[in-house]
C-alpha atoms as a PDB file:
ATOM      1  CA  UNK A   1       6.619 146.268 -59.764  1.00  0.00           C
ATOM      2  CA  UNK A   2       4.814 147.979 -62.631  1.00  0.00           C
ATOM      3  CA  UNK A   3       6.119 145.369 -65.109  1.00  0.00           C
ATOM      4  CA  UNK A   4       5.104 142.622 -62.710  1.00  0.00           C
ATOM      5  CA  UNK A   5       1.579 143.976 -62.482  1.00  0.00           C
ATOM      6  CA  UNK A   6       1.292 144.209 -66.263  1.00  0.00           C
ATOM      7  CA  UNK A   7       2.478 140.622 -66.676  1.00  0.00           C
ATOM      8  CA  UNK A   8       0.252 139.180 -64.019  1.00  0.00           C
ATOM      9  CA  UNK A   9       3.031 138.374 -61.576  1.00  0.00           C
ATOM     10  CA  UNK A  10       4.990 136.142 -63.968  1.00  0.00           C
ATOM     11  CA  UNK A  11       8.238 138.014 -63.369  1.00  0.00           C
ATOM     12  CA  UNK A  12       8.379 137.598 -59.608  1.00  0.00           C
ATOM     13  CA  UNK A  13      11.152 135.028 -59.865  1.00  0.00           C
ATOM     14  CA  UNK A  14      13.125 137.206 -62.264  1.00  0.00           C
ATOM     15  CA  UNK A  15      12.716 140.167 -59.888  1.00  0.00           C
ATOM     16  CA  UNK A  16      14.111 138.154 -56.993  1.00  0.00           C
ATOM     17  CA  UNK A  17      17.073 137.018 -59.097  1.00  0.00           C
ATOM     18  CA  UNK A  18      17.752 140.624 -60.065  1.00  0.00           C
ATOM     19  CA  UNK A  19      17.729 141.744 -56.442  1.00  0.00           C
ATOM     20  CA  UNK A  20      20.153 138.998 -55.458  1.00  0.00           C
ATOM     21  CA  UNK A  21      22.419 139.837 -58.409  1.00  0.00           C
ATOM     22  CA  UNK A  22      22.353 143.546 -57.570  1.00  0.00           C
ATOM     23  CA  UNK A  23      23.315 142.775 -53.980  1.00  0.00           C
ATOM     24  CA  UNK A  24      26.389 140.847 -55.184  1.00  0.00           C
ATOM     25  CA  UNK A  25      27.577 143.726 -57.380  1.00  0.00           C
ATOM     26  CA  UNK A  26      28.608 145.891 -54.460  1.00  0.00           C
ATOM     27  CA  UNK A  27      27.971 149.572 -53.787  1.00  0.00           C
ATOM     28  CA  UNK A  28      28.110 150.571 -57.445  1.00  0.00           C
ATOM     29  CA  UNK A  29      25.511 147.985 -58.371  1.00  0.00           C
ATOM     30  CA  UNK A  30      23.177 148.934 -55.555  1.00  0.00           C
ATOM     31  CA  UNK A  31      23.557 152.594 -56.356  1.00  0.00           C
ATOM     32  CA  UNK A  32      23.454 154.059 -59.851  1.00  0.00           C
ATOM     33  CA  UNK A  33      22.920 151.103 -62.176  1.00  0.00           C
ATOM     34  CA  UNK A  34      19.613 150.560 -63.940  1.00  0.00           C
ATOM     35  CA  UNK A  35      17.694 147.285 -63.751  1.00  0.00           C
ATOM     36  CA  UNK A  36      18.686 146.588 -67.375  1.00  0.00           C
ATOM     37  CA  UNK A  37      22.382 147.041 -66.542  1.00  0.00           C
ATOM     38  CA  UNK A  38      22.083 144.764 -63.532  1.00  0.00           C
ATOM     39  CA  UNK A  39      20.162 142.171 -65.561  1.00  0.00           C
ATOM     40  CA  UNK A  40      22.737 142.338 -68.352  1.00  0.00           C
ATOM     41  CA  UNK A  41      25.562 141.627 -65.916  1.00  0.00           C
ATOM     42  CA  UNK A  42      23.648 138.871 -64.134  1.00  0.00           C
ATOM     43  CA  UNK A  43      22.374 137.160 -67.303  1.00  0.00           C
ATOM     44  CA  UNK A  44      24.952 137.798 -70.051  1.00  0.00           C
ATOM     45  CA  UNK A  45      23.513 134.977 -72.164  1.00  0.00           C
ATOM     46  CA  UNK A  46      20.324 137.016 -72.714  1.00  0.00           C
ATOM     47  CA  UNK A  47      22.044 139.521 -75.024  1.00  0.00           C
ATOM     48  CA  UNK A  48      20.777 139.126 -78.615  1.00  0.00           C
ATOM     49  CA  UNK A  49      21.679 140.627 -81.995  1.00  0.00           C
ATOM     50  CA  UNK A  50      19.154 141.229 -84.772  1.00  0.00           C
ATOM     51  CA  UNK A  51      19.600 139.157 -87.928  1.00  0.00           C
ATOM     52  CA  UNK A  52      16.594 140.407 -89.899  1.00  0.00           C
ATOM     53  CA  UNK A  53      12.952 141.278 -89.239  1.00  0.00           C
ATOM     54  CA  UNK A  54      11.890 140.047 -85.820  1.00  0.00           C
ATOM     55  CA  UNK A  55      14.549 137.351 -85.703  1.00  0.00           C
ATOM     56  CA  UNK A  56      17.469 137.527 -83.289  1.00  0.00           C
ATOM     57  CA  UNK A  57      20.412 135.379 -82.326  1.00  0.00           C
ATOM     58  CA  UNK A  58      21.314 134.989 -78.664  1.00  0.00           C
ATOM     59  CA  UNK A  59      24.752 134.713 -77.141  1.00  0.00           C
ATOM     60  CA  UNK A  60      25.586 131.026 -77.611  1.00  0.00           C
ATOM     61  CA  UNK A  61      23.993 130.821 -81.069  1.00  0.00           C
ATOM     62  CA  UNK A  62      20.330 130.032 -80.300  1.00  0.00           C
ATOM     63  CA  UNK A  63      17.721 131.683 -82.511  1.00  0.00           C
ATOM     64  CA  UNK A  64      14.771 133.673 -81.196  1.00  0.00           C
ATOM     65  CA  UNK A  65      11.821 135.759 -82.396  1.00  0.00           C
ATOM     66  CA  UNK A  66      10.742 138.974 -80.712  1.00  0.00           C
ATOM     67  CA  UNK A  67       7.058 139.306 -79.826  1.00  0.00           C
ATOM     68  CA  UNK A  68       5.260 141.666 -82.247  1.00  0.00           C
ATOM     69  CA  UNK A  69       3.972 143.862 -79.434  1.00  0.00           C
ATOM     70  CA  UNK A  70       7.447 144.519 -78.016  1.00  0.00           C
ATOM     71  CA  UNK A  71       8.573 148.119 -78.019  1.00  0.00           C
ATOM     72  CA  UNK A  72      12.091 146.866 -78.798  1.00  0.00           C
ATOM     73  CA  UNK A  73      11.062 145.872 -82.344  1.00  0.00           C
ATOM     74  CA  UNK A  74      13.700 146.981 -84.876  1.00  0.00           C
ATOM     75  CA  UNK A  75      16.508 147.354 -82.334  1.00  0.00           C
ATOM     76  CA  UNK A  76      19.840 145.930 -83.480  1.00  0.00           C
ATOM     77  CA  UNK A  77      20.755 144.828 -79.952  1.00  0.00           C
ATOM     78  CA  UNK A  78      18.387 143.786 -77.197  1.00  0.00           C
ATOM     79  CA  UNK A  79      18.330 142.175 -73.796  1.00  0.00           C
ATOM     80  CA  UNK A  80      15.821 139.304 -73.645  1.00  0.00           C
ATOM     81  CA  UNK A  81      14.167 139.822 -70.266  1.00  0.00           C
ATOM     82  CA  UNK A  82      11.439 137.199 -70.649  1.00  0.00           C
ATOM     83  CA  UNK A  83      12.257 134.210 -72.847  1.00  0.00           C
ATOM     84  CA  UNK A  84      10.090 131.194 -73.709  1.00  0.00           C
ATOM     85  CA  UNK A  85      11.138 127.915 -75.251  1.00  0.00           C
ATOM     86  CA  UNK A  86      14.599 127.647 -73.654  1.00  0.00           C
ATOM     87  CA  UNK A  87      13.822 124.112 -72.540  1.00  0.00           C
ATOM     88  CA  UNK A  88      13.629 122.935 -76.158  1.00  0.00           C
ATOM     89  CA  UNK A  89      17.379 123.164 -76.671  1.00  0.00           C
ATOM     90  CA  UNK A  90      19.906 125.409 -78.330  1.00  0.00           C
ATOM     91  CA  UNK A  91      18.703 124.783 -81.869  1.00  0.00           C
ATOM     92  CA  UNK A  92      15.065 125.547 -81.123  1.00  0.00           C
ATOM     93  CA  UNK A  93      13.746 129.015 -81.923  1.00  0.00           C
ATOM     94  CA  UNK A  94      12.856 130.788 -78.702  1.00  0.00           C
ATOM     95  CA  UNK A  95      10.216 133.458 -78.221  1.00  0.00           C
ATOM     96  CA  UNK A  96      11.206 136.712 -76.561  1.00  0.00           C
ATOM     97  CA  UNK A  97       8.146 138.046 -74.722  1.00  0.00           C
ATOM     98  CA  UNK A  98       9.806 141.023 -73.118  1.00  0.00           C
ATOM     99  CA  UNK A  99      12.972 142.824 -74.220  1.00  0.00           C
ATOM    100  CA  UNK A 100      14.893 146.012 -73.673  1.00  0.00           C
ATOM    101  CA  UNK A 101      16.930 147.903 -76.232  1.00  0.00           C
ATOM    102  CA  UNK A 102      20.678 147.850 -75.679  1.00  0.00           C
ATOM    103  CA  UNK A 103      23.275 150.431 -76.554  1.00  0.00           C
ATOM    104  CA  UNK A 104      26.201 148.548 -78.226  1.00  0.00           C
ATOM    105  CA  UNK A 105      28.561 150.809 -76.301  1.00  0.00           C
ATOM    106  CA  UNK A 106      27.380 149.160 -73.091  1.00  0.00           C
ATOM    107  CA  UNK A 107      28.643 145.762 -74.245  1.00  0.00           C
ATOM    108  CA  UNK A 108      32.037 144.298 -73.398  1.00  0.00           C
ATOM    109  CA  UNK A 109      33.722 144.372 -76.790  1.00  0.00           C
ATOM    110  CA  UNK A 110      36.594 142.178 -77.915  1.00  0.00           C
ATOM    111  CA  UNK A 111      38.434 142.072 -81.235  1.00  0.00           C
ATOM    112  CA  UNK A 112      39.682 139.071 -83.160  1.00  0.00           C
ATOM    113  CA  UNK A 113      41.208 138.419 -86.568  1.00  0.00           C
ATOM    114  CA  UNK A 114      39.350 135.768 -88.548  1.00  0.00           C
ATOM    115  CA  UNK A 115      41.010 134.087 -91.514  1.00  0.00           C
ATOM    116  CA  UNK A 116      38.700 132.686 -94.146  1.00  0.00           C
ATOM    117  CA  UNK A 117      39.323 130.761 -97.364  1.00  0.00           C
ATOM    118  CA  UNK A 118      37.550 132.078-100.463  1.00  0.00           C
ATOM    119  CA  UNK A 119      36.793 129.193-102.801  1.00  0.00           C
ATOM    120  CA  UNK A 120      36.151 131.469-105.799  1.00  0.00           C
ATOM    121  CA  UNK A 121      39.611 133.050-105.703  1.00  0.00           C
ATOM    122  CA  UNK A 122      41.486 130.176-104.066  1.00  0.00           C
ATOM    123  CA  UNK A 123      42.980 132.568-101.532  1.00  0.00           C
ATOM    124  CA  UNK A 124      42.848 133.560 -97.879  1.00  0.00           C
ATOM    125  CA  UNK A 125      41.166 136.766 -96.763  1.00  0.00           C
ATOM    126  CA  UNK A 126      41.105 138.206 -93.270  1.00  0.00           C
ATOM    127  CA  UNK A 127      38.635 140.314 -91.349  1.00  0.00           C
ATOM    128  CA  UNK A 128      38.867 142.128 -88.029  1.00  0.00           C
ATOM    129  CA  UNK A 129      35.741 141.357 -86.036  1.00  0.00           C
ATOM    130  CA  UNK A 130      34.464 143.303 -83.056  1.00  0.00           C
ATOM    131  CA  UNK A 131      32.301 140.976 -81.019  1.00  0.00           C
ATOM    132  CA  UNK A 132      30.533 140.504 -77.748  1.00  0.00           C
ATOM    133  CA  UNK A 133      30.742 136.927 -76.474  1.00  0.00           C
ATOM    134  CA  UNK A 134      30.776 135.624 -80.047  1.00  0.00           C
ATOM    135  CA  UNK A 135      28.100 137.937 -81.467  1.00  0.00           C
ATOM    136  CA  UNK A 136      29.680 140.082 -84.190  1.00  0.00           C
ATOM    137  CA  UNK A 137      29.133 143.845 -83.969  1.00  0.00           C
ATOM    138  CA  UNK A 138      31.256 144.868 -86.950  1.00  0.00           C
ATOM    139  CA  UNK A 139      33.642 143.380 -89.474  1.00  0.00           C
ATOM    140  CA  UNK A 140      36.279 144.935 -91.755  1.00  0.00           C
ATOM    141  CA  UNK A 141      39.072 143.533 -93.966  1.00  0.00           C
ATOM    142  CA  UNK A 142      42.543 143.201 -92.456  1.00  0.00           C
ATOM    143  CA  UNK A 143      45.843 141.386 -92.875  1.00  0.00           C
ATOM    144  CA  UNK A 144      46.011 137.827 -91.563  1.00  0.00           C
ATOM    145  CA  UNK A 145      48.977 136.613 -89.467  1.00  0.00           C
ATOM    146  CA  UNK A 146      51.059 133.976 -91.233  1.00  0.00           C
ATOM    147  CA  UNK A 147      50.084 131.080 -88.955  1.00  0.00           C
ATOM    148  CA  UNK A 148      46.334 131.718 -89.248  1.00  0.00           C
ATOM    149  CA  UNK A 149      46.632 132.214 -93.017  1.00  0.00           C
ATOM    150  CA  UNK A 150      48.475 128.887 -93.365  1.00  0.00           C
ATOM    151  CA  UNK A 151      45.766 127.031 -91.438  1.00  0.00           C
ATOM    152  CA  UNK A 152      42.976 128.545 -93.545  1.00  0.00           C
ATOM    153  CA  UNK A 153      44.824 127.848 -96.801  1.00  0.00           C
ATOM    154  CA  UNK A 154      45.524 124.238 -95.796  1.00  0.00           C
ATOM    155  CA  UNK A 155      41.857 123.691 -94.965  1.00  0.00           C
ATOM    156  CA  UNK A 156      40.820 125.053 -98.356  1.00  0.00           C
ATOM    157  CA  UNK A 157      43.460 123.090-100.252  1.00  0.00           C
ATOM    158  CA  UNK A 158      42.809 119.777 -98.497  1.00  0.00           C
ATOM    159  CA  UNK A 159      39.626 119.214-100.517  1.00  0.00           C
ATOM    160  CA  UNK A 160      41.088 120.515-103.805  1.00  0.00           C
ATOM    161  CA  UNK A 161      44.579 119.029-103.863  1.00  0.00           C
ATOM    162  CA  UNK A 162      44.781 118.553-107.618  1.00  0.00           C
ATOM    163  CA  UNK A 163      44.090 122.239-108.084  1.00  0.00           C
ATOM    164  CA  UNK A 164      46.262 123.493-105.249  1.00  0.00           C
ATOM    165  CA  UNK A 165      49.213 121.096-105.719  1.00  0.00           C
ATOM    166  CA  UNK A 166      49.004 119.525-109.195  1.00  0.00           C
ATOM    167  CA  UNK A 167      51.316 116.597-109.956  1.00  0.00           C
ATOM    168  CA  UNK A 168      53.431 116.012-113.042  1.00  0.00           C
ATOM    169  CA  UNK A 169      54.250 112.438-114.029  1.00  0.00           C
ATOM    170  CA  UNK A 170      57.639 112.274-112.319  1.00  0.00           C
ATOM    171  CA  UNK A 171      56.367 113.683-109.017  1.00  0.00           C
ATOM    172  CA  UNK A 172      53.327 111.429-109.056  1.00  0.00           C
ATOM    173  CA  UNK A 173      55.566 108.425-109.689  1.00  0.00           C
ATOM    174  CA  UNK A 174      57.903 109.454-106.858  1.00  0.00           C
ATOM    175  CA  UNK A 175      55.043 109.720-104.357  1.00  0.00           C
ATOM    176  CA  UNK A 176      53.609 106.374-105.476  1.00  0.00           C
ATOM    177  CA  UNK A 177      56.969 104.624-105.056  1.00  0.00           C
ATOM    178  CA  UNK A 178      57.467 106.124-101.613  1.00  0.00           C
ATOM    179  CA  UNK A 179      53.966 105.259-100.432  1.00  0.00           C
ATOM    180  CA  UNK A 180      54.303 101.727-101.781  1.00  0.00           C
ATOM    181  CA  UNK A 181      57.687 101.137-100.129  1.00  0.00           C
ATOM    182  CA  UNK A 182      56.506 102.526 -96.772  1.00  0.00           C
ATOM    183  CA  UNK A 183      53.769  99.878 -96.849  1.00  0.00           C
ATOM    184  CA  UNK A 184      55.918  97.053 -98.220  1.00  0.00           C
ATOM    185  CA  UNK A 185      58.895  97.618 -95.888  1.00  0.00           C
ATOM    186  CA  UNK A 186      57.828  99.639 -92.814  1.00  0.00           C
ATOM    187  CA  UNK A 187      61.034  98.578 -91.072  1.00  0.00           C
ATOM    188  CA  UNK A 188      62.934 101.106 -93.215  1.00  0.00           C
ATOM    189  CA  UNK A 189      61.273 103.933 -91.294  1.00  0.00           C
ATOM    190  CA  UNK A 190      60.727 106.165 -94.317  1.00  0.00           C
ATOM    191  CA  UNK A 191      58.800 109.378 -93.558  1.00  0.00           C
ATOM    192  CA  UNK A 192      55.249 110.147 -94.677  1.00  0.00           C
ATOM    193  CA  UNK A 193      55.684 112.667 -97.501  1.00  0.00           C
ATOM    194  CA  UNK A 194      52.338 112.636 -99.273  1.00  0.00           C
ATOM    195  CA  UNK A 195      50.708 115.870-100.409  1.00  0.00           C
ATOM    196  CA  UNK A 196      48.308 115.640 -97.467  1.00  0.00           C
ATOM    197  CA  UNK A 197      51.166 115.274 -94.977  1.00  0.00           C
ATOM    198  CA  UNK A 198      53.218 118.124 -96.453  1.00  0.00           C
ATOM    199  CA  UNK A 199      50.339 120.533 -96.990  1.00  0.00           C
ATOM    200  CA  UNK A 200      50.351 122.338 -93.592  1.00  0.00           C
ATOM    201  CA  UNK A 201      54.074 123.086 -93.846  1.00  0.00           C
ATOM    202  CA  UNK A 202      53.906 124.068 -97.511  1.00  0.00           C
ATOM    203  CA  UNK A 203      51.149 126.572 -96.715  1.00  0.00           C
ATOM    204  CA  UNK A 204      53.339 128.527 -94.292  1.00  0.00           C
ATOM    205  CA  UNK A 205      54.099 131.944 -95.747  1.00  0.00           C
ATOM    206  CA  UNK A 206      51.581 131.441 -98.561  1.00  0.00           C
ATOM    207  CA  UNK A 207      48.045 132.749 -98.946  1.00  0.00           C
ATOM    208  CA  UNK A 208      46.698 131.371-102.209  1.00  0.00           C
ATOM    209  CA  UNK A 209      46.613 128.403-104.573  1.00  0.00           C
ATOM    210  CA  UNK A 210      48.614 130.492-107.015  1.00  0.00           C
ATOM    211  CA  UNK A 211      51.511 130.660-104.550  1.00  0.00           C
ATOM    212  CA  UNK A 212      51.182 126.968-103.668  1.00  0.00           C
ATOM    213  CA  UNK A 213      51.441 125.967-107.326  1.00  0.00           C
ATOM    214  CA  UNK A 214      54.865 127.597-107.494  1.00  0.00           C
ATOM    215  CA  UNK A 215      56.234 124.977-105.083  1.00  0.00           C
ATOM    216  CA  UNK A 216      58.601 122.421-106.636  1.00  0.00           C
ATOM    217  CA  UNK A 217      56.958 119.488-104.901  1.00  0.00           C
ATOM    218  CA  UNK A 218      59.401 116.887-106.206  1.00  0.00           C
ATOM    219  CA  UNK A 219      62.321 118.922-104.871  1.00  0.00           C
ATOM    220  CA  UNK A 220      60.557 119.330-101.515  1.00  0.00           C
ATOM    221  CA  UNK A 221      59.939 115.582-101.208  1.00  0.00           C
ATOM    222  CA  UNK A 222      63.493 114.589-102.135  1.00  0.00           C
ATOM    223  CA  UNK A 223      64.915 117.188 -99.756  1.00  0.00           C
ATOM    224  CA  UNK A 224      62.928 115.825 -96.831  1.00  0.00           C
ATOM    225  CA  UNK A 225      63.687 112.239 -97.804  1.00  0.00           C
ATOM    226  CA  UNK A 226      67.408 112.773 -97.272  1.00  0.00           C
ATOM    227  CA  UNK A 227      69.289 109.499 -96.822  1.00  0.00           C
ATOM    228  CA  UNK A 228      66.060 107.623 -97.452  1.00  0.00           C
ATOM    229  CA  UNK A 229      66.438 108.439-101.147  1.00  0.00           C
ATOM    230  CA  UNK A 230      69.080 105.721-101.486  1.00  0.00           C
ATOM    231  CA  UNK A 231      66.772 103.167 -99.857  1.00  0.00           C
ATOM    232  CA  UNK A 232      63.947 104.218-102.174  1.00  0.00           C
ATOM    233  CA  UNK A 233      66.086 103.764-105.282  1.00  0.00           C
ATOM    234  CA  UNK A 234      67.369 100.419-104.016  1.00  0.00           C
ATOM    235  CA  UNK A 235      64.079  98.844-102.946  1.00  0.00           C
ATOM    236  CA  UNK A 236      61.592 100.590-105.257  1.00  0.00           C
ATOM    237  CA  UNK A 237      63.486 101.586-108.416  1.00  0.00           C
ATOM    238  CA  UNK A 238      61.875 103.559-111.217  1.00  0.00           C
ATOM    239  CA  UNK A 239      62.688 100.891-113.814  1.00  0.00           C
ATOM    240  CA  UNK A 240      64.247  97.459-114.347  1.00  0.00           C
ATOM    241  CA  UNK A 241      66.741  96.382-117.001  1.00  0.00           C
ATOM    242  CA  UNK A 242      65.280  93.654-119.225  1.00  0.00           C
ATOM    243  CA  UNK A 243      67.324  90.835-120.816  1.00  0.00           C
ATOM    244  CA  UNK A 244      66.985  92.704-124.120  1.00  0.00           C
ATOM    245  CA  UNK A 245      68.864  95.672-122.649  1.00  0.00           C
ATOM    246  CA  UNK A 246      65.882  98.039-122.458  1.00  0.00           C
ATOM    247  CA  UNK A 247      64.687  99.680-119.275  1.00  0.00           C
ATOM    248  CA  UNK A 248      61.068  98.900-118.375  1.00  0.00           C
ATOM    249  CA  UNK A 249      59.300 101.237-115.922  1.00  0.00           C
ATOM    250  CA  UNK A 250      57.814  99.636-112.844  1.00  0.00           C
ATOM    251  CA  UNK A 251      54.269 100.474-111.773  1.00  0.00           C
ATOM    252  CA  UNK A 252      53.581 100.746-108.042  1.00  0.00           C
ATOM    253  CA  UNK A 253      50.038 100.440-106.702  1.00  0.00           C
ATOM    254  CA  UNK A 254      49.081 100.296-103.017  1.00  0.00           C
ATOM    255  CA  UNK A 255      48.461  96.848-101.591  1.00  0.00           C
ATOM    256  CA  UNK A 256      49.833  94.800-104.494  1.00  0.00           C
ATOM    257  CA  UNK A 257      53.227  93.796-105.931  1.00  0.00           C
ATOM    258  CA  UNK A 258      54.978  96.091-108.378  1.00  0.00           C
ATOM    259  CA  UNK A 259      54.209  95.438-112.052  1.00  0.00           C
ATOM    260  CA  UNK A 260      56.606  95.382-115.010  1.00  0.00           C
ATOM    261  CA  UNK A 261      55.245  95.470-118.597  1.00  0.00           C
ATOM    262  CA  UNK A 262      57.330  94.024-121.453  1.00  0.00           C
ATOM    263  CA  UNK A 263      56.962  92.177-124.738  1.00  0.00           C
ATOM    264  CA  UNK A 264      57.385  88.431-124.541  1.00  0.00           C
ATOM    265  CA  UNK A 265      60.505  88.647-126.754  1.00  0.00           C
ATOM    266  CA  UNK A 266      62.155  91.161-124.401  1.00  0.00           C
ATOM    267  CA  UNK A 267      62.035  88.573-121.604  1.00  0.00           C
ATOM    268  CA  UNK A 268      63.693  85.613-123.372  1.00  0.00           C
ATOM    269  CA  UNK A 269      66.357  84.147-121.119  1.00  0.00           C
ATOM    270  CA  UNK A 270      64.635  85.316-117.914  1.00  0.00           C
ATOM    271  CA  UNK A 271      63.942  82.445-115.524  1.00  0.00           C
ATOM    272  CA  UNK A 272      62.957  84.342-112.378  1.00  0.00           C
ATOM    273  CA  UNK A 273      60.903  87.428-111.662  1.00  0.00           C
ATOM    274  CA  UNK A 274      62.780  90.472-110.370  1.00  0.00           C
ATOM    275  CA  UNK A 275      62.277  91.349-106.703  1.00  0.00           C
ATOM    276  CA  UNK A 276      61.662  94.805-105.260  1.00  0.00           C
ATOM    277  CA  UNK A 277      60.542  95.754-101.779  1.00  0.00           C
ATOM    278  CA  UNK A 278      61.173  92.199-100.615  1.00  0.00           C
ATOM    279  CA  UNK A 279      58.637  90.646-103.017  1.00  0.00           C
ATOM    280  CA  UNK A 280      58.450  89.306-106.559  1.00  0.00           C
ATOM    281  CA  UNK A 281      57.478  91.703-109.334  1.00  0.00           C
ATOM    282  CA  UNK A 282      54.471  90.776-111.445  1.00  0.00           C
ATOM    283  CA  UNK A 283      55.386  90.636-115.152  1.00  0.00           C
ATOM    284  CA  UNK A 284      52.710  91.636-117.630  1.00  0.00           C
ATOM    285  CA  UNK A 285      53.750  89.917-120.844  1.00  0.00           C
ATOM    286  CA  UNK A 286      52.702  91.641-124.060  1.00  0.00           C
ATOM    287  CA  UNK A 287      52.199  90.595-127.646  1.00  0.00           C
ATOM    288  CA  UNK A 288      54.144  92.526-130.332  1.00  0.00           C
ATOM    289  CA  UNK A 289      51.128  94.889-130.611  1.00  0.00           C
ATOM    290  CA  UNK A 290      51.511  95.760-126.881  1.00  0.00           C
ATOM    291  CA  UNK A 291      48.341  93.923-125.874  1.00  0.00           C
ATOM    292  CA  UNK A 292      48.586  91.961-122.583  1.00  0.00           C
ATOM    293  CA  UNK A 293      48.772  88.174-122.910  1.00  0.00           C
ATOM    294  CA  UNK A 294      49.535  87.043-119.371  1.00  0.00           C
ATOM    295  CA  UNK A 295      50.293  88.407-115.882  1.00  0.00           C
ATOM    296  CA  UNK A 296      52.658  86.134-114.025  1.00  0.00           C
ATOM    297  CA  UNK A 297      54.444  86.027-110.694  1.00  0.00           C
ATOM    298  CA  UNK A 298      56.557  83.073-111.932  1.00  0.00           C
ATOM    299  CA  UNK A 299      57.963  83.532-115.418  1.00  0.00           C
ATOM    300  CA  UNK A 300      59.686  80.150-115.289  1.00  0.00           C
ATOM    301  CA  UNK A 301      56.285  78.463-114.997  1.00  0.00           C
ATOM    302  CA  UNK A 302      54.986  80.623-117.855  1.00  0.00           C
ATOM    303  CA  UNK A 303      57.687  79.399-120.247  1.00  0.00           C
ATOM    304  CA  UNK A 304      57.026  75.785-119.253  1.00  0.00           C
ATOM    305  CA  UNK A 305      53.247  76.130-119.425  1.00  0.00           C
ATOM    306  CA  UNK A 306      51.023  78.605-121.262  1.00  0.00           C
ATOM    307  CA  UNK A 307      53.774  80.030-123.501  1.00  0.00           C
ATOM    308  CA  UNK A 308      53.311  77.151-125.949  1.00  0.00           C
ATOM    309  CA  UNK A 309      49.649  78.028-126.583  1.00  0.00           C
ATOM    310  CA  UNK A 310      50.414  81.760-126.925  1.00  0.00           C
ATOM    311  CA  UNK A 311      53.310  80.963-129.309  1.00  0.00           C
ATOM    312  CA  UNK A 312      51.030  78.846-131.463  1.00  0.00           C
ATOM    313  CA  UNK A 313      48.410  81.611-131.610  1.00  0.00           C
ATOM    314  CA  UNK A 314      50.696  84.583-132.303  1.00  0.00           C
ATOM    315  CA  UNK A 315      53.616  83.416-134.424  1.00  0.00           C
ATOM    316  CA  UNK A 316      51.442  83.250-137.543  1.00  0.00           C
ATOM    317  CA  UNK A 317      50.284  86.816-137.011  1.00  0.00           C
ATOM    318  CA  UNK A 318      53.741  88.159-136.223  1.00  0.00           C
ATOM    319  CA  UNK A 319      56.175  86.046-138.273  1.00  0.00           C
ATOM    320  CA  UNK A 320      58.958  88.660-138.159  1.00  0.00           C
ATOM    321  CA  UNK A 321      59.273  88.202-134.419  1.00  0.00           C
ATOM    322  CA  UNK A 322      61.129  85.318-132.845  1.00  0.00           C
ATOM    323  CA  UNK A 323      59.024  82.490-131.347  1.00  0.00           C
ATOM    324  CA  UNK A 324      61.533  79.863-130.171  1.00  0.00           C
ATOM    325  CA  UNK A 325      60.454  76.596-128.607  1.00  0.00           C
ATOM    326  CA  UNK A 326      63.011  77.110-125.830  1.00  0.00           C
ATOM    327  CA  UNK A 327      62.702  80.829-124.923  1.00  0.00           C
ATOM    328  CA  UNK A 328      64.964  80.535-121.883  1.00  0.00           C
ATOM    329  CA  UNK A 329      67.858  79.644-124.195  1.00  0.00           C
ATOM    330  CA  UNK A 330      67.179  82.284-126.857  1.00  0.00           C
ATOM    331  CA  UNK A 331      68.420  85.870-127.030  1.00  0.00           C
ATOM    332  CA  UNK A 332      65.949  88.551-126.004  1.00  0.00           C
ATOM    333  CA  UNK A 333      65.027  91.205-128.576  1.00  0.00           C
ATOM    334  CA  UNK A 334      63.432  94.630-128.576  1.00  0.00           C
ATOM    335  CA  UNK A 335      62.622  94.536-132.317  1.00  0.00           C
ATOM    336  CA  UNK A 336      62.099  91.809-134.946  1.00  0.00           C
ATOM    337  CA  UNK A 337      65.267  90.371-136.370  1.00  0.00           C
ATOM    338  CA  UNK A 338      65.901  90.921-140.051  1.00  0.00           C
END
């Protein structure tokens, strides 16, 4: 009643709510509990923790400022008895007109382990938090359970894959072939084994990028591929044997046919493009200096068409190399004939 008189009757509704709440609490509530204790139990969302100066954060995350005249100024924990601005939404900064200091010991305290990824060290660190309905009372370092550590590490590594799981040439090539073949021939049912797909499992039992980098990713991929390795080698081989006898590596890029690069002379005698993944390979034909001259999906048409113009242009510059008029009938060569 004294508070109500001081505030000009503005707390009448709050008083009535308090009386109804106290009545529901039973004999203990009607007996020895203070108004603050009853209010705290009836309105748990009015608990607030100080975050600096006169600024507080309420249960639920909304920000608030304590009135300068409040006797609760400087308290680490308060109960916001009279609160303005709640209708503006959770992100608005409320104004606490009337507050009471709270003893942290009166709060229902829970503990939780929080795993966090530290970008500077590339590792997972844990902390044991004591909190009241999400508001942290204290925090200290602790060990993180394996599952929580794996989740935190995977989240940190997902945006820094090249640092967490670097690729050498062979592993990169393997993943490109597999991704390409999964797209070209989905009927094979090959598993998704990209770095992104494997990351959560690879993070189990590990707590840092340093430990992740010790993983033999190529070995992990091949092990999970199992019988699919034979299908990969059959339908998306690493290389193709040219008519000259050399092996030319195939390049696999998403959404387009595989590409084979070879000198024109290495392809003499070839009348059809190789096929991988159910489609023709693109042949990038090179001059003796390894510069591209033509990209063709039909080498037979190349010999019958634009080869003549290329032959005329290049044979004067590279006379040691063979430039036959009928390349399909000539022997392929890796080097100029003596």
